[in-house]
Amino acid sequence: KRPVAIQTLGAMAMKKAVAKPAEERAADFAAAEKWFLELQALQPLDESSYTNLAGIYLAEKNYPKAIVQLLVLQRHEQKDDRIARTLAELFQKQGDLKQAREEHKLALALRRTTFGRDSHWAALSEAELADTLESGDKTESREDLLRHALKILEQTFPASHPKVKDSAEKLAKALTDAGQADQAAELRKKYDLPTSATK
């Protein structure tokens, strides 16, 4: 069978699955998985099979299989921060904070290289990285990342924007954890946040 035909069959099965309600997708996802695995066997360097298989596994919440596909895809697409961010999220869901931190650091480095250190894209990655540092007790680094993220996001979005408020809330929590309750209270007042950490 020709690779193009196999890829088309896989794509058709994926399209059919996505059009159905979640409880009716299993058979179509299984068919798509079969075609994309066959495509990988024929063309191991074809990135579309890894992307589509990762999509199937993410939809099925089969995170270990999704991670395997994304790690291979990451070797092919080394400058794509979206892959690193997705991997970080999956590792975090599985409780592997060390690997999640590494992927968030990679995503942050890629976004800083692509968009610049002071871009809102980099700031969003800083806030994501700070979430993993929070669990790792690195309060000082967490504060620095969140201060910078908040500064950049304030320049990009209004203070009422959810991304700004979320970063402000995270910084207020980090400050509270570090024993800087006065600074946390000022921040909560400035952004009209609840007086106690709810996240």
N, C-alpha and C. Protein backbone atom coordinates (compact mmCIF):
# COMPACT_ATOMS: atom_id res chain seq x y z
N LYS A 1 0.84 -1.19 0.00
CA LYS A 1 0.00 0.00 0.00
C LYS A 1 0.87 1.24 0.00
N ARG A 2 0.40 2.24 -0.67
CA ARG A 2 1.17 3.47 -0.75
C ARG A 2 0.95 4.33 0.50
N PRO A 3 2.02 4.98 0.97
CA PRO A 3 1.92 5.80 2.18
C PRO A 3 0.85 6.89 2.10
N VAL A 4 0.67 7.50 0.92
CA VAL A 4 -0.32 8.57 0.80
C VAL A 4 -1.73 8.01 1.02
N ALA A 5 -1.98 6.83 0.47
CA ALA A 5 -3.30 6.20 0.66
C ALA A 5 -3.53 5.86 2.13
N ILE A 6 -2.50 5.35 2.79
CA ILE A 6 -2.62 4.99 4.20
C ILE A 6 -2.87 6.23 5.04
N GLN A 7 -2.15 7.30 4.74
CA GLN A 7 -2.34 8.54 5.49
C GLN A 7 -3.76 9.07 5.27
N THR A 8 -4.26 8.98 4.06
CA THR A 8 -5.62 9.43 3.76
C THR A 8 -6.65 8.61 4.53
N LEU A 9 -6.47 7.30 4.56
CA LEU A 9 -7.39 6.44 5.30
C LEU A 9 -7.38 6.77 6.79
N GLY A 10 -6.19 7.01 7.33
CA GLY A 10 -6.09 7.40 8.73
C GLY A 10 -6.77 8.73 9.00
N ALA A 11 -6.55 9.69 8.11
CA ALA A 11 -7.15 11.01 8.27
C ALA A 11 -8.68 10.94 8.17
N MET A 12 -9.17 10.10 7.27
CA MET A 12 -10.62 9.94 7.14
C MET A 12 -11.22 9.33 8.40
N ALA A 13 -10.56 8.33 8.97
CA ALA A 13 -11.05 7.71 10.20
C ALA A 13 -11.03 8.71 11.36
N MET A 14 -9.97 9.54 11.42
CA MET A 14 -9.88 10.58 12.46
C MET A 14 -11.03 11.57 12.32
N LYS A 15 -11.27 12.02 11.09
CA LYS A 15 -12.33 13.00 10.83
C LYS A 15 -13.69 12.42 11.23
N LYS A 16 -13.89 11.17 10.91
CA LYS A 16 -15.14 10.50 11.25
C LYS A 16 -15.30 10.40 12.77
N ALA A 17 -14.21 10.09 13.47
CA ALA A 17 -14.25 9.95 14.93
C ALA A 17 -14.56 11.28 15.61
N VAL A 18 -13.92 12.33 15.15
CA VAL A 18 -14.07 13.64 15.80
C VAL A 18 -15.48 14.20 15.60
N ALA A 19 -16.15 13.78 14.52
CA ALA A 19 -17.51 14.26 14.25
C ALA A 19 -18.55 13.60 15.15
N LYS A 20 -18.18 12.52 15.81
CA LYS A 20 -19.12 11.78 16.65
C LYS A 20 -19.02 12.20 18.11
N PRO A 21 -20.07 11.90 18.88
CA PRO A 21 -19.98 12.13 20.33
C PRO A 21 -18.86 11.26 20.92
N ALA A 22 -18.30 11.69 22.03
CA ALA A 22 -17.13 11.03 22.63
C ALA A 22 -17.35 9.54 22.85
N GLU A 23 -18.52 9.14 23.29
CA GLU A 23 -18.76 7.73 23.60
C GLU A 23 -18.84 6.84 22.35
N GLU A 24 -18.94 7.43 21.18
CA GLU A 24 -19.05 6.65 19.94
C GLU A 24 -17.78 6.69 19.09
N ARG A 25 -16.69 7.19 19.61
CA ARG A 25 -15.48 7.40 18.81
C ARG A 25 -14.52 6.21 18.79
N ALA A 26 -14.63 5.29 19.69
CA ALA A 26 -13.61 4.25 19.90
C ALA A 26 -13.27 3.49 18.62
N ALA A 27 -14.26 3.01 17.89
CA ALA A 27 -14.00 2.20 16.69
C ALA A 27 -13.26 3.02 15.63
N ASP A 28 -13.67 4.27 15.44
CA ASP A 28 -13.01 5.10 14.44
C ASP A 28 -11.59 5.47 14.86
N PHE A 29 -11.40 5.74 16.15
CA PHE A 29 -10.04 6.00 16.64
C PHE A 29 -9.16 4.77 16.47
N ALA A 30 -9.73 3.59 16.71
CA ALA A 30 -8.96 2.35 16.54
C ALA A 30 -8.55 2.16 15.08
N ALA A 31 -9.47 2.48 14.16
CA ALA A 31 -9.15 2.37 12.74
C ALA A 31 -8.07 3.38 12.35
N ALA A 32 -8.20 4.60 12.83
CA ALA A 32 -7.20 5.63 12.53
C ALA A 32 -5.84 5.23 13.11
N GLU A 33 -5.85 4.73 14.34
CA GLU A 33 -4.61 4.29 14.98
C GLU A 33 -3.93 3.22 14.13
N LYS A 34 -4.70 2.27 13.66
CA LYS A 34 -4.15 1.18 12.82
C LYS A 34 -3.47 1.75 11.58
N TRP A 35 -4.13 2.67 10.90
CA TRP A 35 -3.56 3.25 9.68
C TRP A 35 -2.30 4.07 9.98
N PHE A 36 -2.33 4.86 11.04
CA PHE A 36 -1.17 5.69 11.34
C PHE A 36 0.02 4.86 11.85
N LEU A 37 -0.25 3.77 12.56
CA LEU A 37 0.85 2.87 12.95
C LEU A 37 1.47 2.21 11.72
N GLU A 38 0.62 1.87 10.77
CA GLU A 38 1.12 1.29 9.53
C GLU A 38 1.96 2.31 8.76
N LEU A 39 1.51 3.55 8.74
CA LEU A 39 2.26 4.62 8.09
C LEU A 39 3.62 4.81 8.76
N GLN A 40 3.65 4.74 10.10
CA GLN A 40 4.93 4.86 10.81
C GLN A 40 5.88 3.74 10.43
N ALA A 41 5.36 2.54 10.24
CA ALA A 41 6.20 1.42 9.86
C ALA A 41 6.79 1.62 8.47
N LEU A 42 6.01 2.21 7.57
CA LEU A 42 6.48 2.44 6.21
C LEU A 42 7.38 3.68 6.10
N GLN A 43 7.01 4.72 6.82
CA GLN A 43 7.75 5.99 6.76
C GLN A 43 7.98 6.52 8.17
N PRO A 44 9.00 6.00 8.85
CA PRO A 44 9.23 6.40 10.25
C PRO A 44 9.58 7.88 10.43
N LEU A 45 9.94 8.56 9.38
CA LEU A 45 10.28 9.99 9.50
C LEU A 45 9.10 10.90 9.16
N ASP A 46 7.95 10.33 8.82
CA ASP A 46 6.77 11.12 8.50
C ASP A 46 6.15 11.63 9.80
N GLU A 47 6.21 12.94 10.01
CA GLU A 47 5.76 13.54 11.26
C GLU A 47 4.25 13.48 11.45
N SER A 48 3.50 13.40 10.36
CA SER A 48 2.04 13.44 10.49
C SER A 48 1.51 12.24 11.27
N SER A 49 2.14 11.10 11.13
CA SER A 49 1.66 9.93 11.87
C SER A 49 1.85 10.12 13.38
N TYR A 50 2.96 10.71 13.78
CA TYR A 50 3.21 10.96 15.20
C TYR A 50 2.22 11.99 15.75
N THR A 51 1.98 13.04 14.97
CA THR A 51 1.03 14.08 15.38
C THR A 51 -0.37 13.50 15.55
N ASN A 52 -0.81 12.73 14.55
CA ASN A 52 -2.16 12.17 14.60
C ASN A 52 -2.31 11.12 15.69
N LEU A 53 -1.31 10.28 15.87
CA LEU A 53 -1.39 9.29 16.95
C LEU A 53 -1.41 9.97 18.31
N ALA A 54 -0.61 11.00 18.48
CA ALA A 54 -0.63 11.75 19.74
C ALA A 54 -2.02 12.35 19.97
N GLY A 55 -2.63 12.87 18.90
CA GLY A 55 -3.98 13.41 19.01
C GLY A 55 -5.00 12.37 19.43
N ILE A 56 -4.89 11.19 18.85
CA ILE A 56 -5.80 10.09 19.22
C ILE A 56 -5.62 9.75 20.69
N TYR A 57 -4.36 9.58 21.11
CA TYR A 57 -4.10 9.17 22.49
C TYR A 57 -4.50 10.26 23.48
N LEU A 58 -4.34 11.52 23.10
CA LEU A 58 -4.78 12.61 23.98
C LEU A 58 -6.30 12.60 24.12
N ALA A 59 -7.00 12.39 23.00
CA ALA A 59 -8.46 12.34 23.05
C ALA A 59 -8.95 11.18 23.91
N GLU A 60 -8.21 10.08 23.88
CA GLU A 60 -8.57 8.91 24.68
C GLU A 60 -8.03 8.99 26.12
N LYS A 61 -7.30 10.06 26.41
CA LYS A 61 -6.65 10.25 27.72
C LYS A 61 -5.65 9.14 28.04
N ASN A 62 -5.03 8.61 26.99
CA ASN A 62 -3.99 7.60 27.14
C ASN A 62 -2.65 8.34 27.11
N TYR A 63 -2.33 8.99 28.22
CA TYR A 63 -1.19 9.89 28.29
C TYR A 63 0.17 9.22 28.06
N PRO A 64 0.41 8.01 28.59
CA PRO A 64 1.71 7.39 28.32
C PRO A 64 1.98 7.19 26.82
N LYS A 65 0.96 6.75 26.08
CA LYS A 65 1.15 6.56 24.64
C LYS A 65 1.31 7.91 23.92
N ALA A 66 0.57 8.92 24.38
CA ALA A 66 0.69 10.25 23.78
C ALA A 66 2.09 10.79 24.01
N ILE A 67 2.64 10.58 25.19
CA ILE A 67 3.99 11.06 25.51
C ILE A 67 5.01 10.42 24.58
N VAL A 68 4.89 9.12 24.34
CA VAL A 68 5.83 8.43 23.46
C VAL A 68 5.81 9.07 22.07
N GLN A 69 4.62 9.31 21.53
CA GLN A 69 4.52 9.91 20.19
C GLN A 69 5.07 11.33 20.18
N LEU A 70 4.77 12.10 21.22
CA LEU A 70 5.23 13.49 21.28
C LEU A 70 6.75 13.58 21.45
N LEU A 71 7.34 12.65 22.18
CA LEU A 71 8.80 12.67 22.33
C LEU A 71 9.50 12.42 21.00
N VAL A 72 8.95 11.51 20.20
CA VAL A 72 9.52 11.27 18.87
C VAL A 72 9.32 12.51 18.00
N LEU A 73 8.12 13.06 18.04
CA LEU A 73 7.82 14.27 17.27
C LEU A 73 8.73 15.42 17.68
N GLN A 74 9.01 15.52 18.97
CA GLN A 74 9.88 16.59 19.47
C GLN A 74 11.29 16.49 18.89
N ARG A 75 11.76 15.27 18.67
CA ARG A 75 13.09 15.11 18.05
C ARG A 75 13.09 15.63 16.61
N HIS A 76 11.94 15.51 15.93
CA HIS A 76 11.82 16.01 14.56
C HIS A 76 11.61 17.52 14.53
N GLU A 77 10.81 18.02 15.44
CA GLU A 77 10.42 19.44 15.47
C GLU A 77 11.00 20.10 16.72
N GLN A 78 12.30 20.28 16.75
CA GLN A 78 12.97 20.74 17.95
C GLN A 78 12.67 22.19 18.32
N LYS A 79 12.13 22.97 17.41
CA LYS A 79 11.88 24.37 17.71
C LYS A 79 10.40 24.68 17.95
N ASP A 80 9.60 23.63 18.15
CA ASP A 80 8.16 23.82 18.36
C ASP A 80 7.85 23.80 19.86
N ASP A 81 7.61 24.98 20.42
CA ASP A 81 7.35 25.07 21.86
C ASP A 81 6.03 24.41 22.25
N ARG A 82 5.11 24.27 21.31
CA ARG A 82 3.81 23.65 21.63
C ARG A 82 3.98 22.19 22.06
N ILE A 83 4.93 21.50 21.44
CA ILE A 83 5.17 20.10 21.81
C ILE A 83 5.70 20.03 23.24
N ALA A 84 6.68 20.88 23.55
CA ALA A 84 7.25 20.90 24.89
C ALA A 84 6.20 21.27 25.93
N ARG A 85 5.33 22.22 25.62
CA ARG A 85 4.28 22.62 26.56
C ARG A 85 3.28 21.49 26.78
N THR A 86 2.91 20.79 25.71
CA THR A 86 1.98 19.66 25.84
C THR A 86 2.61 18.55 26.66
N LEU A 87 3.88 18.25 26.39
CA LEU A 87 4.58 17.23 27.17
C LEU A 87 4.65 17.63 28.65
N ALA A 88 4.94 18.90 28.91
CA ALA A 88 5.01 19.37 30.30
C ALA A 88 3.68 19.16 31.00
N GLU A 89 2.59 19.50 30.32
CA GLU A 89 1.26 19.33 30.89
C GLU A 89 0.98 17.85 31.18
N LEU A 90 1.35 16.97 30.25
CA LEU A 90 1.12 15.54 30.45
C LEU A 90 1.96 14.98 31.59
N PHE A 91 3.23 15.38 31.64
CA PHE A 91 4.07 14.92 32.75
C PHE A 91 3.52 15.42 34.08
N GLN A 92 3.04 16.65 34.09
CA GLN A 92 2.48 17.22 35.32
C GLN A 92 1.23 16.42 35.74
N LYS A 93 0.38 16.07 34.79
CA LYS A 93 -0.82 15.28 35.09
C LYS A 93 -0.45 13.92 35.67
N GLN A 94 0.68 13.39 35.24
CA GLN A 94 1.11 12.08 35.73
C GLN A 94 1.94 12.18 37.01
N GLY A 95 2.17 13.41 37.49
CA GLY A 95 2.89 13.59 38.74
C GLY A 95 4.40 13.60 38.59
N ASP A 96 4.91 13.63 37.36
CA ASP A 96 6.36 13.67 37.13
C ASP A 96 6.79 15.14 37.00
N LEU A 97 6.90 15.81 38.15
CA LEU A 97 7.18 17.25 38.14
C LEU A 97 8.58 17.57 37.64
N LYS A 98 9.53 16.67 37.86
CA LYS A 98 10.89 16.92 37.38
C LYS A 98 10.90 17.00 35.85
N GLN A 99 10.26 16.06 35.20
CA GLN A 99 10.22 16.07 33.73
C GLN A 99 9.34 17.23 33.23
N ALA A 100 8.26 17.53 33.95
CA ALA A 100 7.40 18.66 33.58
C ALA A 100 8.21 19.96 33.61
N ARG A 101 9.03 20.13 34.66
CA ARG A 101 9.88 21.33 34.76
C ARG A 101 10.82 21.43 33.57
N GLU A 102 11.44 20.30 33.20
CA GLU A 102 12.38 20.31 32.08
C GLU A 102 11.68 20.72 30.78
N GLU A 103 10.49 20.20 30.55
CA GLU A 103 9.75 20.55 29.33
C GLU A 103 9.30 22.01 29.36
N HIS A 104 8.87 22.49 30.54
CA HIS A 104 8.49 23.91 30.65
C HIS A 104 9.70 24.81 30.41
N LYS A 105 10.87 24.40 30.92
CA LYS A 105 12.09 25.19 30.68
C LYS A 105 12.42 25.23 29.20
N LEU A 106 12.26 24.09 28.52
CA LEU A 106 12.51 24.04 27.08
C LEU A 106 11.53 24.94 26.34
N ALA A 107 10.24 24.86 26.70
CA ALA A 107 9.24 25.70 26.05
C ALA A 107 9.54 27.18 26.27
N LEU A 108 9.95 27.52 27.49
CA LEU A 108 10.28 28.91 27.80
C LEU A 108 11.48 29.38 26.97
N ALA A 109 12.50 28.55 26.88
CA ALA A 109 13.68 28.91 26.08
C ALA A 109 13.30 29.10 24.61
N LEU A 110 12.46 28.22 24.10
CA LEU A 110 12.03 28.33 22.69
C LEU A 110 11.21 29.59 22.47
N ARG A 111 10.33 29.89 23.40
CA ARG A 111 9.50 31.10 23.25
C ARG A 111 10.34 32.37 23.39
N ARG A 112 11.30 32.36 24.28
CA ARG A 112 12.17 33.54 24.41
C ARG A 112 12.99 33.73 23.14
N THR A 113 13.45 32.63 22.56
CA THR A 113 14.23 32.72 21.33
C THR A 113 13.36 33.21 20.18
N THR A 114 12.17 32.68 20.08
CA THR A 114 11.27 33.01 18.97
C THR A 114 10.65 34.39 19.11
N PHE A 115 10.13 34.70 20.29
CA PHE A 115 9.35 35.92 20.47
C PHE A 115 10.06 37.01 21.27
N GLY A 116 11.16 36.67 21.94
CA GLY A 116 11.87 37.63 22.77
C GLY A 116 11.55 37.42 24.24
N ARG A 117 12.50 37.79 25.09
CA ARG A 117 12.35 37.58 26.53
C ARG A 117 11.16 38.31 27.11
N ASP A 118 10.85 39.47 26.58
CA ASP A 118 9.78 40.29 27.13
C ASP A 118 8.47 40.19 26.35
N SER A 119 8.26 39.07 25.67
CA SER A 119 6.99 38.88 24.95
C SER A 119 5.96 38.27 25.89
N HIS A 120 4.70 38.47 25.59
CA HIS A 120 3.67 37.87 26.45
C HIS A 120 3.67 36.36 26.32
N TRP A 121 4.15 35.84 25.17
CA TRP A 121 4.24 34.37 25.01
C TRP A 121 5.25 33.79 25.99
N ALA A 122 6.39 34.45 26.10
CA ALA A 122 7.40 33.99 27.07
C ALA A 122 6.87 34.14 28.49
N ALA A 123 6.16 35.23 28.75
CA ALA A 123 5.61 35.45 30.09
C ALA A 123 4.62 34.34 30.47
N LEU A 124 3.81 33.92 29.52
CA LEU A 124 2.87 32.83 29.81
C LEU A 124 3.63 31.54 30.13
N SER A 125 4.72 31.30 29.43
CA SER A 125 5.53 30.10 29.73
C SER A 125 6.20 30.23 31.09
N GLU A 126 6.60 31.45 31.47
CA GLU A 126 7.18 31.65 32.80
C GLU A 126 6.17 31.29 33.89
N ALA A 127 4.93 31.69 33.69
CA ALA A 127 3.89 31.38 34.68
C ALA A 127 3.64 29.88 34.74
N GLU A 128 3.67 29.21 33.59
CA GLU A 128 3.49 27.75 33.57
C GLU A 128 4.65 27.06 34.29
N LEU A 129 5.86 27.51 34.04
CA LEU A 129 7.03 26.94 34.70
C LEU A 129 6.93 27.16 36.21
N ALA A 130 6.49 28.33 36.61
CA ALA A 130 6.36 28.64 38.04
C ALA A 130 5.42 27.66 38.74
N ASP A 131 4.40 27.17 38.03
CA ASP A 131 3.49 26.19 38.63
C ASP A 131 4.24 24.93 39.05
N THR A 132 5.18 24.49 38.26
CA THR A 132 5.92 23.27 38.61
C THR A 132 6.93 23.56 39.70
N LEU A 133 7.47 24.78 39.73
CA LEU A 133 8.41 25.15 40.78
C LEU A 133 7.69 25.25 42.12
N GLU A 134 6.43 25.64 42.08
CA GLU A 134 5.64 25.74 43.30
C GLU A 134 5.64 24.42 44.05
N SER A 135 5.47 23.35 43.33
CA SER A 135 5.44 22.04 43.96
C SER A 135 6.83 21.58 44.38
N GLY A 136 7.85 22.18 43.78
CA GLY A 136 9.22 21.79 44.09
C GLY A 136 9.88 22.67 45.13
N ASP A 137 9.12 23.56 45.79
CA ASP A 137 9.63 24.42 46.86
C ASP A 137 10.78 25.32 46.43
N LYS A 138 10.68 25.92 45.28
CA LYS A 138 11.71 26.86 44.83
C LYS A 138 11.07 28.24 44.81
N THR A 139 10.70 28.71 45.97
CA THR A 139 9.90 29.93 46.09
C THR A 139 10.58 31.15 45.48
N GLU A 140 11.87 31.32 45.71
CA GLU A 140 12.54 32.51 45.19
C GLU A 140 12.50 32.55 43.66
N SER A 141 12.84 31.43 43.01
CA SER A 141 12.79 31.37 41.55
C SER A 141 11.37 31.58 41.06
N ARG A 142 10.43 31.00 41.76
CA ARG A 142 9.02 31.12 41.40
C ARG A 142 8.60 32.58 41.44
N GLU A 143 8.99 33.29 42.49
CA GLU A 143 8.63 34.71 42.60
C GLU A 143 9.21 35.51 41.45
N ASP A 144 10.49 35.29 41.13
CA ASP A 144 11.13 36.04 40.05
C ASP A 144 10.43 35.80 38.72
N LEU A 145 10.13 34.53 38.43
CA LEU A 145 9.43 34.22 37.18
C LEU A 145 8.06 34.89 37.14
N LEU A 146 7.33 34.82 38.23
CA LEU A 146 5.98 35.39 38.25
C LEU A 146 5.99 36.91 38.21
N ARG A 147 6.97 37.54 38.87
CA ARG A 147 7.07 39.01 38.80
C ARG A 147 7.29 39.46 37.36
N HIS A 148 8.21 38.78 36.69
CA HIS A 148 8.50 39.15 35.30
C HIS A 148 7.29 38.87 34.41
N ALA A 149 6.67 37.71 34.59
CA ALA A 149 5.49 37.35 33.78
C ALA A 149 4.39 38.39 33.97
N LEU A 150 4.14 38.76 35.21
CA LEU A 150 3.08 39.74 35.49
C LEU A 150 3.41 41.10 34.87
N LYS A 151 4.65 41.50 34.96
CA LYS A 151 5.09 42.79 34.38
C LYS A 151 4.82 42.82 32.88
N ILE A 152 5.18 41.74 32.19
CA ILE A 152 4.99 41.68 30.73
C ILE A 152 3.51 41.57 30.39
N LEU A 153 2.78 40.74 31.10
CA LEU A 153 1.36 40.58 30.80
C LEU A 153 0.59 41.87 31.03
N GLU A 154 1.00 42.66 32.05
CA GLU A 154 0.35 43.95 32.31
C GLU A 154 0.53 44.90 31.12
N GLN A 155 1.65 44.77 30.42
CA GLN A 155 1.91 45.63 29.27
C GLN A 155 1.12 45.18 28.04
N THR A 156 0.66 43.92 28.05
CA THR A 156 -0.01 43.36 26.89
C THR A 156 -1.53 43.35 27.04
N PHE A 157 -2.00 43.05 28.24
CA PHE A 157 -3.43 42.88 28.49
C PHE A 157 -3.90 43.85 29.57
N PRO A 158 -5.20 44.15 29.62
CA PRO A 158 -5.71 44.97 30.73
C PRO A 158 -5.63 44.19 32.04
N ALA A 159 -5.62 44.91 33.14
CA ALA A 159 -5.48 44.28 34.46
C ALA A 159 -6.61 43.29 34.75
N SER A 160 -7.75 43.46 34.12
CA SER A 160 -8.89 42.57 34.36
C SER A 160 -8.82 41.27 33.54
N HIS A 161 -7.84 41.17 32.65
CA HIS A 161 -7.73 39.99 31.79
C HIS A 161 -7.42 38.75 32.63
N PRO A 162 -8.03 37.61 32.33
CA PRO A 162 -7.81 36.39 33.13
C PRO A 162 -6.34 35.97 33.23
N LYS A 163 -5.55 36.17 32.19
CA LYS A 163 -4.14 35.78 32.24
C LYS A 163 -3.37 36.65 33.24
N VAL A 164 -3.70 37.93 33.30
CA VAL A 164 -3.06 38.84 34.25
C VAL A 164 -3.50 38.48 35.67
N LYS A 165 -4.79 38.29 35.85
CA LYS A 165 -5.31 37.97 37.18
C LYS A 165 -4.75 36.63 37.68
N ASP A 166 -4.65 35.66 36.80
CA ASP A 166 -4.11 34.34 37.18
C ASP A 166 -2.66 34.47 37.63
N SER A 167 -1.86 35.22 36.87
CA SER A 167 -0.45 35.41 37.25
C SER A 167 -0.34 36.20 38.55
N ALA A 168 -1.20 37.19 38.73
CA ALA A 168 -1.19 37.96 39.97
C ALA A 168 -1.57 37.07 41.15
N GLU A 169 -2.54 36.21 40.96
CA GLU A 169 -2.95 35.27 42.02
C GLU A 169 -1.81 34.33 42.38
N LYS A 170 -1.11 33.82 41.37
CA LYS A 170 0.02 32.91 41.62
C LYS A 170 1.14 33.64 42.36
N LEU A 171 1.40 34.89 41.96
CA LEU A 171 2.45 35.66 42.64
C LEU A 171 2.04 35.95 44.09
N ALA A 172 0.78 36.30 44.30
CA ALA A 172 0.32 36.56 45.67
C ALA A 172 0.48 35.31 46.54
N LYS A 173 0.18 34.16 45.99
CA LYS A 173 0.35 32.91 46.75
C LYS A 173 1.82 32.66 47.04
N ALA A 174 2.69 32.89 46.04
CA ALA A 174 4.13 32.69 46.24
C ALA A 174 4.65 33.64 47.32
N LEU A 175 4.19 34.89 47.31
CA LEU A 175 4.61 35.85 48.31
C LEU A 175 4.12 35.44 49.70
N THR A 176 2.89 34.97 49.79
CA THR A 176 2.35 34.50 51.06
C THR A 176 3.17 33.32 51.58
N ASP A 177 3.47 32.38 50.69
CA ASP A 177 4.28 31.22 51.07
C ASP A 177 5.67 31.63 51.55
N ALA A 178 6.18 32.74 51.00
CA ALA A 178 7.52 33.20 51.37
C ALA A 178 7.49 34.11 52.60
N GLY A 179 6.31 34.26 53.21
CA GLY A 179 6.21 35.08 54.41
C GLY A 179 6.12 36.56 54.14
N GLN A 180 5.76 36.94 52.93
CA GLN A 180 5.65 38.34 52.56
C GLN A 180 4.18 38.71 52.39
N ALA A 181 3.43 38.52 53.48
CA ALA A 181 1.98 38.71 53.45
C ALA A 181 1.58 40.14 53.08
N ASP A 182 2.36 41.15 53.49
CA ASP A 182 2.01 42.54 53.17
C ASP A 182 2.04 42.77 51.66
N GLN A 183 3.10 42.29 51.00
CA GLN A 183 3.20 42.44 49.54
C GLN A 183 2.07 41.67 48.85
N ALA A 184 1.77 40.48 49.37
CA ALA A 184 0.69 39.68 48.80
C ALA A 184 -0.64 40.42 48.92
N ALA A 185 -0.88 41.04 50.08
CA ALA A 185 -2.13 41.77 50.31
C ALA A 185 -2.24 42.96 49.36
N GLU A 186 -1.14 43.69 49.15
CA GLU A 186 -1.14 44.81 48.20
C GLU A 186 -1.48 44.34 46.80
N LEU A 187 -0.90 43.23 46.41
CA LEU A 187 -1.14 42.67 45.08
C LEU A 187 -2.60 42.24 44.93
N ARG A 188 -3.13 41.61 45.96
CA ARG A 188 -4.54 41.18 45.92
C ARG A 188 -5.48 42.38 45.82
N LYS A 189 -5.13 43.45 46.53
CA LYS A 189 -5.95 44.66 46.47
C LYS A 189 -5.87 45.30 45.09
N LYS A 190 -4.66 45.40 44.54
CA LYS A 190 -4.46 46.03 43.23
C LYS A 190 -5.25 45.33 42.13
N TYR A 191 -5.30 44.00 42.19
CA TYR A 191 -5.97 43.23 41.14
C TYR A 191 -7.35 42.74 41.54
N ASP A 192 -7.85 43.22 42.68
CA ASP A 192 -9.17 42.85 43.16
C ASP A 192 -9.33 41.33 43.23
N LEU A 193 -8.34 40.71 43.91
CA LEU A 193 -8.33 39.26 44.09
C LEU A 193 -8.91 38.90 45.44
N PRO A 194 -9.40 37.68 45.60
CA PRO A 194 -9.89 37.27 46.93
C PRO A 194 -8.76 37.39 47.96
N THR A 195 -9.14 37.62 49.20
CA THR A 195 -8.12 37.86 50.24
C THR A 195 -7.36 36.61 50.64
N SER A 196 -7.88 35.43 50.37
CA SER A 196 -7.13 34.22 50.68
C SER A 196 -6.92 33.43 49.40
N ALA A 197 -5.81 32.70 49.35
CA ALA A 197 -5.50 31.93 48.15
C ALA A 197 -6.53 30.83 47.97
N THR A 198 -7.12 30.80 46.77
CA THR A 198 -8.12 29.79 46.47
C THR A 198 -7.61 28.74 45.51
N LYS A 199 -6.41 28.93 45.00
CA LYS A 199 -5.87 27.98 44.02
C LYS A 199 -4.88 27.07 44.65
